[in-house]
PDB file of N, CA and C in Angstrom:
ATOM      1  N   MET A   1     -32.302  -1.367  25.645  1.00  0.00           N
ATOM      2  CA  MET A   1     -31.206  -2.126  26.209  1.00  0.00           C
ATOM      3  C   MET A   1     -30.022  -1.190  26.430  1.00  0.00           C
ATOM      4  N   CYS A   2     -29.367  -1.360  27.543  1.00  0.00           N
ATOM      5  CA  CYS A   2     -28.214  -0.535  27.881  1.00  0.00           C
ATOM      6  C   CYS A   2     -26.936  -1.349  27.732  1.00  0.00           C
ATOM      7  N   LEU A   3     -25.948  -0.736  27.151  1.00  0.00           N
ATOM      8  CA  LEU A   3     -24.643  -1.365  27.026  1.00  0.00           C
ATOM      9  C   LEU A   3     -23.618  -0.486  27.709  1.00  0.00           C
ATOM     10  N   SER A   4     -22.731  -1.092  28.438  1.00  0.00           N
ATOM     11  CA  SER A   4     -21.614  -0.350  29.027  1.00  0.00           C
ATOM     12  C   SER A   4     -20.379  -0.663  28.211  1.00  0.00           C
ATOM     13  N   ILE A   5     -19.867   0.349  27.568  1.00  0.00           N
ATOM     14  CA  ILE A   5     -18.669   0.178  26.763  1.00  0.00           C
ATOM     15  C   ILE A   5     -17.471   0.496  27.639  1.00  0.00           C
ATOM     16  N   PRO A   6     -16.459  -0.362  27.657  1.00  0.00           N
ATOM     17  CA  PRO A   6     -15.275  -0.056  28.463  1.00  0.00           C
ATOM     18  C   PRO A   6     -14.713   1.313  28.106  1.00  0.00           C
ATOM     19  N   SER A   7     -14.372   2.054  29.131  1.00  0.00           N
ATOM     20  CA  SER A   7     -13.852   3.407  28.969  1.00  0.00           C
ATOM     21  C   SER A   7     -12.568   3.545  29.766  1.00  0.00           C
ATOM     22  N   LYS A   8     -11.626   4.314  29.238  1.00  0.00           N
ATOM     23  CA  LYS A   8     -10.341   4.509  29.911  1.00  0.00           C
ATOM     24  C   LYS A   8     -10.353   5.844  30.660  1.00  0.00           C
ATOM     25  N   VAL A   9      -9.960   5.813  31.926  1.00  0.00           N
ATOM     26  CA  VAL A   9      -9.892   7.025  32.734  1.00  0.00           C
ATOM     27  C   VAL A   9      -8.688   7.840  32.274  1.00  0.00           C
ATOM     28  N   VAL A  10      -8.953   9.107  31.893  1.00  0.00           N
ATOM     29  CA  VAL A  10      -7.873   9.967  31.397  1.00  0.00           C
ATOM     30  C   VAL A  10      -7.602  11.162  32.305  1.00  0.00           C
ATOM     31  N   ASP A  11      -8.510  11.427  33.254  1.00  0.00           N
ATOM     32  CA  ASP A  11      -8.303  12.520  34.201  1.00  0.00           C
ATOM     33  C   ASP A  11      -9.189  12.278  35.414  1.00  0.00           C
ATOM     34  N   ILE A  12      -8.747  12.767  36.568  1.00  0.00           N
ATOM     35  CA  ILE A  12      -9.519  12.652  37.809  1.00  0.00           C
ATOM     36  C   ILE A  12      -9.481  14.001  38.504  1.00  0.00           C
ATOM     37  N   SER A  13     -10.642  14.438  38.987  1.00  0.00           N
ATOM     38  CA  SER A  13     -10.722  15.716  39.682  1.00  0.00           C
ATOM     39  C   SER A  13      -9.923  15.662  40.981  1.00  0.00           C
ATOM     40  N   GLU A  14      -9.533  16.841  41.475  1.00  0.00           N
ATOM     41  CA  GLU A  14      -8.738  16.918  42.708  1.00  0.00           C
ATOM     42  C   GLU A  14      -9.432  16.246  43.878  1.00  0.00           C
ATOM     43  N   ASP A  15     -10.749  16.411  43.961  1.00  0.00           N
ATOM     44  CA  ASP A  15     -11.479  15.821  45.084  1.00  0.00           C
ATOM     45  C   ASP A  15     -11.868  14.356  44.838  1.00  0.00           C
ATOM     46  N   LYS A  16     -11.479  13.817  43.693  1.00  0.00           N
ATOM     47  CA  LYS A  16     -11.684  12.412  43.313  1.00  0.00           C
ATOM     48  C   LYS A  16     -13.154  11.996  43.274  1.00  0.00           C
ATOM     49  N   THR A  17     -14.033  12.941  42.911  1.00  0.00           N
ATOM     50  CA  THR A  17     -15.446  12.616  42.775  1.00  0.00           C
ATOM     51  C   THR A  17     -15.887  12.487  41.324  1.00  0.00           C
ATOM     52  N   ILE A  18     -15.091  13.051  40.415  1.00  0.00           N
ATOM     53  CA  ILE A  18     -15.402  13.036  38.985  1.00  0.00           C
ATOM     54  C   ILE A  18     -14.149  12.620  38.217  1.00  0.00           C
ATOM     55  N   CYS A  19     -14.365  11.844  37.172  1.00  0.00           N
ATOM     56  CA  CYS A  19     -13.251  11.535  36.280  1.00  0.00           C
ATOM     57  C   CYS A  19     -13.688  11.822  34.851  1.00  0.00           C
ATOM     58  N   THR A  20     -12.720  11.985  33.986  1.00  0.00           N
ATOM     59  CA  THR A  20     -12.972  12.088  32.556  1.00  0.00           C
ATOM     60  C   THR A  20     -12.550  10.765  31.952  1.00  0.00           C
ATOM     61  N   VAL A  21     -13.439  10.199  31.149  1.00  0.00           N
ATOM     62  CA  VAL A  21     -13.133   8.930  30.500  1.00  0.00           C
ATOM     63  C   VAL A  21     -13.138   9.105  28.996  1.00  0.00           C
ATOM     64  N   ASP A  22     -12.388   8.252  28.336  1.00  0.00           N
ATOM     65  CA  ASP A  22     -12.347   8.200  26.881  1.00  0.00           C
ATOM     66  C   ASP A  22     -13.012   6.894  26.467  1.00  0.00           C
ATOM     67  N   THR A  23     -14.124   7.038  25.760  1.00  0.00           N
ATOM     68  CA  THR A  23     -14.860   5.874  25.271  1.00  0.00           C
ATOM     69  C   THR A  23     -14.739   5.859  23.762  1.00  0.00           C
ATOM     70  N   MET A  24     -13.767   5.143  23.264  1.00  0.00           N
ATOM     71  CA  MET A  24     -13.544   5.029  21.829  1.00  0.00           C
ATOM     72  C   MET A  24     -13.434   6.400  21.167  1.00  0.00           C
ATOM     73  N   GLY A  25     -12.691   7.306  21.794  1.00  0.00           N
ATOM     74  CA  GLY A  25     -12.454   8.621  21.237  1.00  0.00           C
ATOM     75  C   GLY A  25     -13.435   9.693  21.688  1.00  0.00           C
ATOM     76  N   VAL A  26     -14.492   9.317  22.377  1.00  0.00           N
ATOM     77  CA  VAL A  26     -15.465  10.267  22.900  1.00  0.00           C
ATOM     78  C   VAL A  26     -15.157  10.471  24.377  1.00  0.00           C
ATOM     79  N   LYS A  27     -14.881  11.731  24.764  1.00  0.00           N
ATOM     80  CA  LYS A  27     -14.552  12.021  26.159  1.00  0.00           C
ATOM     81  C   LYS A  27     -15.761  12.610  26.858  1.00  0.00           C
ATOM     82  N   ARG A  28     -15.944  12.179  28.108  1.00  0.00           N
ATOM     83  CA  ARG A  28     -17.035  12.706  28.922  1.00  0.00           C
ATOM     84  C   ARG A  28     -16.709  12.519  30.388  1.00  0.00           C
ATOM     85  N   ASP A  29     -17.404  13.263  31.230  1.00  0.00           N
ATOM     86  CA  ASP A  29     -17.198  13.159  32.666  1.00  0.00           C
ATOM     87  C   ASP A  29     -18.109  12.083  33.243  1.00  0.00           C
ATOM     88  N   ALA A  30     -17.625  11.456  34.310  1.00  0.00           N
ATOM     89  CA  ALA A  30     -18.401  10.426  35.000  1.00  0.00           C
ATOM     90  C   ALA A  30     -18.156  10.556  36.496  1.00  0.00           C
ATOM     91  N   SER A  31     -19.176  10.251  37.259  1.00  0.00           N
ATOM     92  CA  SER A  31     -19.077  10.327  38.712  1.00  0.00           C
ATOM     93  C   SER A  31     -18.322   9.116  39.265  1.00  0.00           C
ATOM     94  N   LEU A  32     -17.508   9.364  40.279  1.00  0.00           N
ATOM     95  CA  LEU A  32     -16.789   8.294  40.983  1.00  0.00           C
ATOM     96  C   LEU A  32     -17.430   7.981  42.335  1.00  0.00           C
ATOM     97  N   LEU A  33     -18.590   8.548  42.624  1.00  0.00           N
ATOM     98  CA  LEU A  33     -19.202   8.387  43.933  1.00  0.00           C
ATOM     99  C   LEU A  33     -19.579   6.943  44.267  1.00  0.00           C
ATOM    100  N   MET A  34     -19.784   6.107  43.259  1.00  0.00           N
ATOM    101  CA  MET A  34     -20.122   4.692  43.507  1.00  0.00           C
ATOM    102  C   MET A  34     -18.874   3.840  43.751  1.00  0.00           C
ATOM    103  N   MET A  35     -17.701   4.435  43.655  1.00  0.00           N
ATOM    104  CA  MET A  35     -16.444   3.685  43.764  1.00  0.00           C
ATOM    105  C   MET A  35     -15.716   3.960  45.080  1.00  0.00           C
ATOM    106  N   GLN A  36     -16.439   4.187  46.143  1.00  0.00           N
ATOM    107  CA  GLN A  36     -15.826   4.518  47.422  1.00  0.00           C
ATOM    108  C   GLN A  36     -14.955   3.397  47.974  1.00  0.00           C
ATOM    109  N   ASP A  37     -15.258   2.147  47.639  1.00  0.00           N
ATOM    110  CA  ASP A  37     -14.501   1.007  48.165  1.00  0.00           C
ATOM    111  C   ASP A  37     -13.312   0.612  47.304  1.00  0.00           C
ATOM    112  N   GLU A  38     -13.182   1.224  46.145  1.00  0.00           N
ATOM    113  CA  GLU A  38     -12.118   0.849  45.218  1.00  0.00           C
ATOM    114  C   GLU A  38     -11.543   2.099  44.578  1.00  0.00           C
ATOM    115  N   GLU A  39     -10.246   2.264  44.643  1.00  0.00           N
ATOM    116  CA  GLU A  39      -9.613   3.444  44.064  1.00  0.00           C
ATOM    117  C   GLU A  39      -9.500   3.305  42.555  1.00  0.00           C
ATOM    118  N   VAL A  40      -9.795   4.393  41.875  1.00  0.00           N
ATOM    119  CA  VAL A  40      -9.690   4.462  40.422  1.00  0.00           C
ATOM    120  C   VAL A  40      -8.537   5.400  40.086  1.00  0.00           C
ATOM    121  N   ALA A  41      -7.686   4.980  39.159  1.00  0.00           N
ATOM    122  CA  ALA A  41      -6.517   5.771  38.778  1.00  0.00           C
ATOM    123  C   ALA A  41      -6.550   6.058  37.277  1.00  0.00           C
ATOM    124  N   ILE A  42      -5.836   7.097  36.881  1.00  0.00           N
ATOM    125  CA  ILE A  42      -5.685   7.397  35.459  1.00  0.00           C
ATOM    126  C   ILE A  42      -5.070   6.173  34.782  1.00  0.00           C
ATOM    127  N   GLY A  43      -5.662   5.787  33.666  1.00  0.00           N
ATOM    128  CA  GLY A  43      -5.203   4.611  32.929  1.00  0.00           C
ATOM    129  C   GLY A  43      -6.049   3.382  33.178  1.00  0.00           C
ATOM    130  N   ASP A  44      -6.853   3.382  34.251  1.00  0.00           N
ATOM    131  CA  ASP A  44      -7.743   2.246  34.521  1.00  0.00           C
ATOM    132  C   ASP A  44      -8.855   2.190  33.488  1.00  0.00           C
ATOM    133  N   PHE A  45      -9.359   0.994  33.244  1.00  0.00           N
ATOM    134  CA  PHE A  45     -10.538   0.808  32.411  1.00  0.00           C
ATOM    135  C   PHE A  45     -11.717   0.578  33.338  1.00  0.00           C
ATOM    136  N   VAL A  46     -12.845   1.222  33.002  1.00  0.00           N
ATOM    137  CA  VAL A  46     -14.026   1.153  33.849  1.00  0.00           C
ATOM    138  C   VAL A  46     -15.272   0.944  32.994  1.00  0.00           C
ATOM    139  N   LEU A  47     -16.349   0.530  33.677  1.00  0.00           N
ATOM    140  CA  LEU A  47     -17.656   0.462  33.044  1.00  0.00           C
ATOM    141  C   LEU A  47     -18.541   1.524  33.680  1.00  0.00           C
ATOM    142  N   LEU A  48     -19.324   2.206  32.854  1.00  0.00           N
ATOM    143  CA  LEU A  48     -20.213   3.272  33.309  1.00  0.00           C
ATOM    144  C   LEU A  48     -21.661   2.829  33.171  1.00  0.00           C
ATOM    145  N   HIS A  49     -22.499   3.401  34.022  1.00  0.00           N
ATOM    146  CA  HIS A  49     -23.944   3.242  33.872  1.00  0.00           C
ATOM    147  C   HIS A  49     -24.575   4.555  34.299  1.00  0.00           C
ATOM    148  N   ILE A  50     -25.348   5.145  33.417  1.00  0.00           N
ATOM    149  CA  ILE A  50     -26.009   6.440  33.587  1.00  0.00           C
ATOM    150  C   ILE A  50     -25.102   7.492  34.226  1.00  0.00           C
ATOM    151  N   GLY A  51     -23.865   7.559  33.743  1.00  0.00           N
ATOM    152  CA  GLY A  51     -22.943   8.606  34.175  1.00  0.00           C
ATOM    153  C   GLY A  51     -22.128   8.292  35.416  1.00  0.00           C
ATOM    154  N   PHE A  52     -22.257   7.091  35.963  1.00  0.00           N
ATOM    155  CA  PHE A  52     -21.498   6.680  37.146  1.00  0.00           C
ATOM    156  C   PHE A  52     -20.530   5.559  36.785  1.00  0.00           C
ATOM    157  N   VAL A  53     -19.308   5.649  37.296  1.00  0.00           N
ATOM    158  CA  VAL A  53     -18.381   4.528  37.178  1.00  0.00           C
ATOM    159  C   VAL A  53     -18.879   3.460  38.143  1.00  0.00           C
ATOM    160  N   MET A  54     -19.162   2.272  37.619  1.00  0.00           N
ATOM    161  CA  MET A  54     -19.710   1.194  38.447  1.00  0.00           C
ATOM    162  C   MET A  54     -18.639   0.220  38.918  1.00  0.00           C
ATOM    163  N   ASN A  55     -17.627  -0.002  38.076  1.00  0.00           N
ATOM    164  CA  ASN A  55     -16.543  -0.901  38.474  1.00  0.00           C
ATOM    165  C   ASN A  55     -15.365  -0.785  37.518  1.00  0.00           C
ATOM    166  N   LYS A  56     -14.223  -1.206  38.021  1.00  0.00           N
ATOM    167  CA  LYS A  56     -13.032  -1.296  37.182  1.00  0.00           C
ATOM    168  C   LYS A  56     -13.058  -2.658  36.502  1.00  0.00           C
ATOM    169  N   ILE A  57     -12.435  -2.715  35.327  1.00  0.00           N
ATOM    170  CA  ILE A  57     -12.338  -3.996  34.637  1.00  0.00           C
ATOM    171  C   ILE A  57     -10.908  -4.216  34.174  1.00  0.00           C
ATOM    172  N   ASP A  58     -10.601  -5.458  33.936  1.00  0.00           N
ATOM    173  CA  ASP A  58      -9.284  -5.878  33.475  1.00  0.00           C
ATOM    174  C   ASP A  58      -8.983  -5.273  32.100  1.00  0.00           C
ATOM    175  N   GLU A  59      -7.764  -4.782  31.926  1.00  0.00           N
ATOM    176  CA  GLU A  59      -7.375  -4.142  30.673  1.00  0.00           C
ATOM    177  C   GLU A  59      -7.488  -5.092  29.486  1.00  0.00           C
ATOM    178  N   THR A  60      -7.099  -6.341  29.653  1.00  0.00           N
ATOM    179  CA  THR A  60      -7.187  -7.305  28.550  1.00  0.00           C
ATOM    180  C   THR A  60      -8.632  -7.507  28.122  1.00  0.00           C
ATOM    181  N   TYR A  61      -9.519  -7.701  29.106  1.00  0.00           N
ATOM    182  CA  TYR A  61     -10.942  -7.860  28.816  1.00  0.00           C
ATOM    183  C   TYR A  61     -11.489  -6.599  28.137  1.00  0.00           C
ATOM    184  N   ALA A  62     -11.095  -5.426  28.643  1.00  0.00           N
ATOM    185  CA  ALA A  62     -11.558  -4.159  28.073  1.00  0.00           C
ATOM    186  C   ALA A  62     -11.163  -4.061  26.602  1.00  0.00           C
ATOM    187  N   LYS A  63      -9.927  -4.372  26.297  1.00  0.00           N
ATOM    188  CA  LYS A  63      -9.448  -4.259  24.912  1.00  0.00           C
ATOM    189  C   LYS A  63     -10.148  -5.261  23.995  1.00  0.00           C
ATOM    190  N   GLU A  64     -10.409  -6.470  24.494  1.00  0.00           N
ATOM    191  CA  GLU A  64     -11.141  -7.460  23.697  1.00  0.00           C
ATOM    192  C   GLU A  64     -12.565  -6.973  23.422  1.00  0.00           C
ATOM    193  N   SER A  65     -13.211  -6.426  24.449  1.00  0.00           N
ATOM    194  CA  SER A  65     -14.571  -5.902  24.285  1.00  0.00           C
ATOM    195  C   SER A  65     -14.598  -4.738  23.308  1.00  0.00           C
ATOM    196  N   LEU A  66     -13.618  -3.845  23.418  1.00  0.00           N
ATOM    197  CA  LEU A  66     -13.563  -2.702  22.511  1.00  0.00           C
ATOM    198  C   LEU A  66     -13.394  -3.132  21.066  1.00  0.00           C
ATOM    199  N   GLU A  67     -12.626  -4.181  20.847  1.00  0.00           N
ATOM    200  CA  GLU A  67     -12.447  -4.684  19.485  1.00  0.00           C
ATOM    201  C   GLU A  67     -13.779  -5.190  18.927  1.00  0.00           C
ATOM    202  N   THR A  68     -14.559  -5.868  19.753  1.00  0.00           N
ATOM    203  CA  THR A  68     -15.887  -6.328  19.329  1.00  0.00           C
ATOM    204  C   THR A  68     -16.782  -5.144  19.003  1.00  0.00           C
ATOM    205  N   TYR A  69     -16.774  -4.120  19.866  1.00  0.00           N
ATOM    206  CA  TYR A  69     -17.560  -2.916  19.591  1.00  0.00           C
ATOM    207  C   TYR A  69     -17.128  -2.264  18.289  1.00  0.00           C
ATOM    208  N   ARG A  70     -15.826  -2.207  18.038  1.00  0.00           N
ATOM    209  CA  ARG A  70     -15.334  -1.599  16.788  1.00  0.00           C
ATOM    210  C   ARG A  70     -15.878  -2.328  15.563  1.00  0.00           C
ATOM    211  N   GLU A  71     -15.916  -3.646  15.646  1.00  0.00           N
ATOM    212  CA  GLU A  71     -16.450  -4.429  14.535  1.00  0.00           C
ATOM    213  C   GLU A  71     -17.920  -4.102  14.297  1.00  0.00           C
ATOM    214  N   ILE A  72     -18.675  -3.934  15.378  1.00  0.00           N
ATOM    215  CA  ILE A  72     -20.091  -3.571  15.249  1.00  0.00           C
ATOM    216  C   ILE A  72     -20.221  -2.164  14.677  1.00  0.00           C
ATOM    217  N   LEU A  73     -19.444  -1.234  15.214  1.00  0.00           N
ATOM    218  CA  LEU A  73     -19.551   0.165  14.796  1.00  0.00           C
ATOM    219  C   LEU A  73     -19.139   0.388  13.346  1.00  0.00           C
ATOM    220  N   GLU A  74     -18.259  -0.461  12.827  1.00  0.00           N
ATOM    221  CA  GLU A  74     -17.849  -0.328  11.423  1.00  0.00           C
ATOM    222  C   GLU A  74     -19.038  -0.436  10.479  1.00  0.00           C
ATOM    223  N   LYS A  75     -20.087  -1.093  10.933  1.00  0.00           N
ATOM    224  CA  LYS A  75     -21.264  -1.291  10.101  1.00  0.00           C
ATOM    225  C   LYS A  75     -22.252  -0.123  10.198  1.00  0.00           C
ATOM    226  N   LEU A  76     -21.970   0.844  11.078  1.00  0.00           N
ATOM    227  CA  LEU A  76     -22.856   1.987  11.276  1.00  0.00           C
ATOM    228  C   LEU A  76     -22.286   3.232  10.607  1.00  0.00           C
ATOM    229  N   ASP A  77     -23.165   4.201  10.304  1.00  0.00           N
ATOM    230  CA  ASP A  77     -22.656   5.470   9.791  1.00  0.00           C
ATOM    231  C   ASP A  77     -22.176   6.333  10.958  1.00  0.00           C
ATOM    232  N   GLU A  78     -21.558   7.470  10.683  1.00  0.00           N
ATOM    233  CA  GLU A  78     -20.907   8.311  11.695  1.00  0.00           C
ATOM    234  C   GLU A  78     -21.854   8.731  12.816  1.00  0.00           C
ATOM    235  N   GLU A  79     -23.046   9.206  12.483  1.00  0.00           N
ATOM    236  CA  GLU A  79     -24.002   9.663  13.496  1.00  0.00           C
ATOM    237  C   GLU A  79     -24.469   8.496  14.365  1.00  0.00           C
ATOM    238  N   GLU A  80     -24.724   7.344  13.751  1.00  0.00           N
ATOM    239  CA  GLU A  80     -25.133   6.165  14.516  1.00  0.00           C
ATOM    240  C   GLU A  80     -24.032   5.724  15.476  1.00  0.00           C
ATOM    241  N   ARG A  81     -22.770   5.851  15.066  1.00  0.00           N
ATOM    242  CA  ARG A  81     -21.650   5.492  15.935  1.00  0.00           C
ATOM    243  C   ARG A  81     -21.640   6.344  17.198  1.00  0.00           C
ATOM    244  N   LYS A  82     -21.739   7.651  17.006  1.00  0.00           N
ATOM    245  CA  LYS A  82     -21.709   8.565  18.150  1.00  0.00           C
ATOM    246  C   LYS A  82     -22.889   8.282  19.081  1.00  0.00           C
ATOM    247  N   GLU A  83     -24.062   8.082  18.523  1.00  0.00           N
ATOM    248  CA  GLU A  83     -25.238   7.787  19.337  1.00  0.00           C
ATOM    249  C   GLU A  83     -25.054   6.491  20.120  1.00  0.00           C
ATOM    250  N   ALA A  84     -24.474   5.478  19.503  1.00  0.00           N
ATOM    251  CA  ALA A  84     -24.265   4.201  20.188  1.00  0.00           C
ATOM    252  C   ALA A  84     -23.305   4.355  21.358  1.00  0.00           C
ATOM    253  N   ILE A  85     -22.265   5.138  21.191  1.00  0.00           N
ATOM    254  CA  ILE A  85     -21.275   5.333  22.248  1.00  0.00           C
ATOM    255  C   ILE A  85     -21.862   6.144  23.399  1.00  0.00           C
ATOM    256  N   LEU A  86     -22.673   7.144  23.100  1.00  0.00           N
ATOM    257  CA  LEU A  86     -23.236   8.014  24.127  1.00  0.00           C
ATOM    258  C   LEU A  86     -24.534   7.479  24.733  1.00  0.00           C
ATOM    259  N   ALA A  87     -25.098   6.418  24.179  1.00  0.00           N
ATOM    260  CA  ALA A  87     -26.396   5.913  24.622  1.00  0.00           C
ATOM    261  C   ALA A  87     -26.427   5.562  26.100  1.00  0.00           C
ATOM    262  N   ASP A  88     -25.341   5.109  26.667  1.00  0.00           N
ATOM    263  CA  ASP A  88     -25.331   4.714  28.071  1.00  0.00           C
ATOM    264  C   ASP A  88     -25.656   5.883  28.986  1.00  0.00           C
ATOM    265  N   ASP A  89     -25.320   7.108  28.594  1.00  0.00           N
ATOM    266  CA  ASP A  89     -25.618   8.280  29.419  1.00  0.00           C
ATOM    267  C   ASP A  89     -27.122   8.479  29.600  1.00  0.00           C
ATOM    268  N   ASN A  90     -27.909   8.037  28.640  1.00  0.00           N
ATOM    269  CA  ASN A  90     -29.346   8.246  28.681  1.00  0.00           C
ATOM    270  C   ASN A  90     -30.122   7.004  29.069  1.00  0.00           C
ATOM    271  N   CYS A  91     -29.446   5.942  29.373  1.00  0.00           N
ATOM    272  CA  CYS A  91     -30.090   4.681  29.718  1.00  0.00           C
ATOM    273  C   CYS A  91     -30.749   4.801  31.083  1.00  0.00           C
ATOM    274  N   GLN A  92     -31.944   4.266  31.205  1.00  0.00           N
ATOM    275  CA  GLN A  92     -32.623   4.256  32.490  1.00  0.00           C
ATOM    276  C   GLN A  92     -32.860   2.814  32.892  1.00  0.00           C
ATOM    277  N   ASN A  93     -32.727   2.546  34.155  1.00  0.00           N
ATOM    278  CA  ASN A  93     -32.964   1.206  34.651  1.00  0.00           C
ATOM    279  C   ASN A  93     -34.465   0.959  34.590  1.00  0.00           C
ATOM    280  N   ARG A  94     -34.876   0.062  33.737  1.00  0.00           N
ATOM    281  CA  ARG A  94     -36.303  -0.147  33.492  1.00  0.00           C
ATOM    282  C   ARG A  94     -36.787  -1.489  34.008  1.00  0.00           C
ATOM    283  N   GLY A  95     -36.052  -2.094  34.908  1.00  0.00           N
ATOM    284  CA  GLY A  95     -36.499  -3.350  35.508  1.00  0.00           C
ATOM    285  C   GLY A  95     -36.694  -4.447  34.487  1.00  0.00           C
ATOM    286  N   SER A  96     -37.934  -4.826  34.238  1.00  0.00           N
ATOM    287  CA  SER A  96     -38.224  -5.979  33.388  1.00  0.00           C
ATOM    288  C   SER A  96     -38.256  -5.663  31.910  1.00  0.00           C
ATOM    289  N   GLN A  97     -38.108  -4.403  31.536  1.00  0.00           N
ATOM    290  CA  GLN A  97     -38.156  -4.073  30.104  1.00  0.00           C
ATOM    291  C   GLN A  97     -36.884  -4.427  29.409  1.00  0.00           C
TER     292      GLN A  97
END
């Protein structure tokens, strides 16, 4: 199962094809190529899927979702937390699975 954790855009490349997002303290790069119809700015909250920004989301909704994730992560050890946050990068669309 793949989960998209809300991530905050903290940097955008000059050519606006890549952004750096902060996902609960974990920073990583994500492609903006799927967002041609909608501009993404520093400070926006987005959802990622396999390294691509798929859509922007409302800040209030993002913060509520992050609080739920924090409650779940509190029950995990440090390594499990990091794996859970980074799992979306390795998620593959498996259709009916």
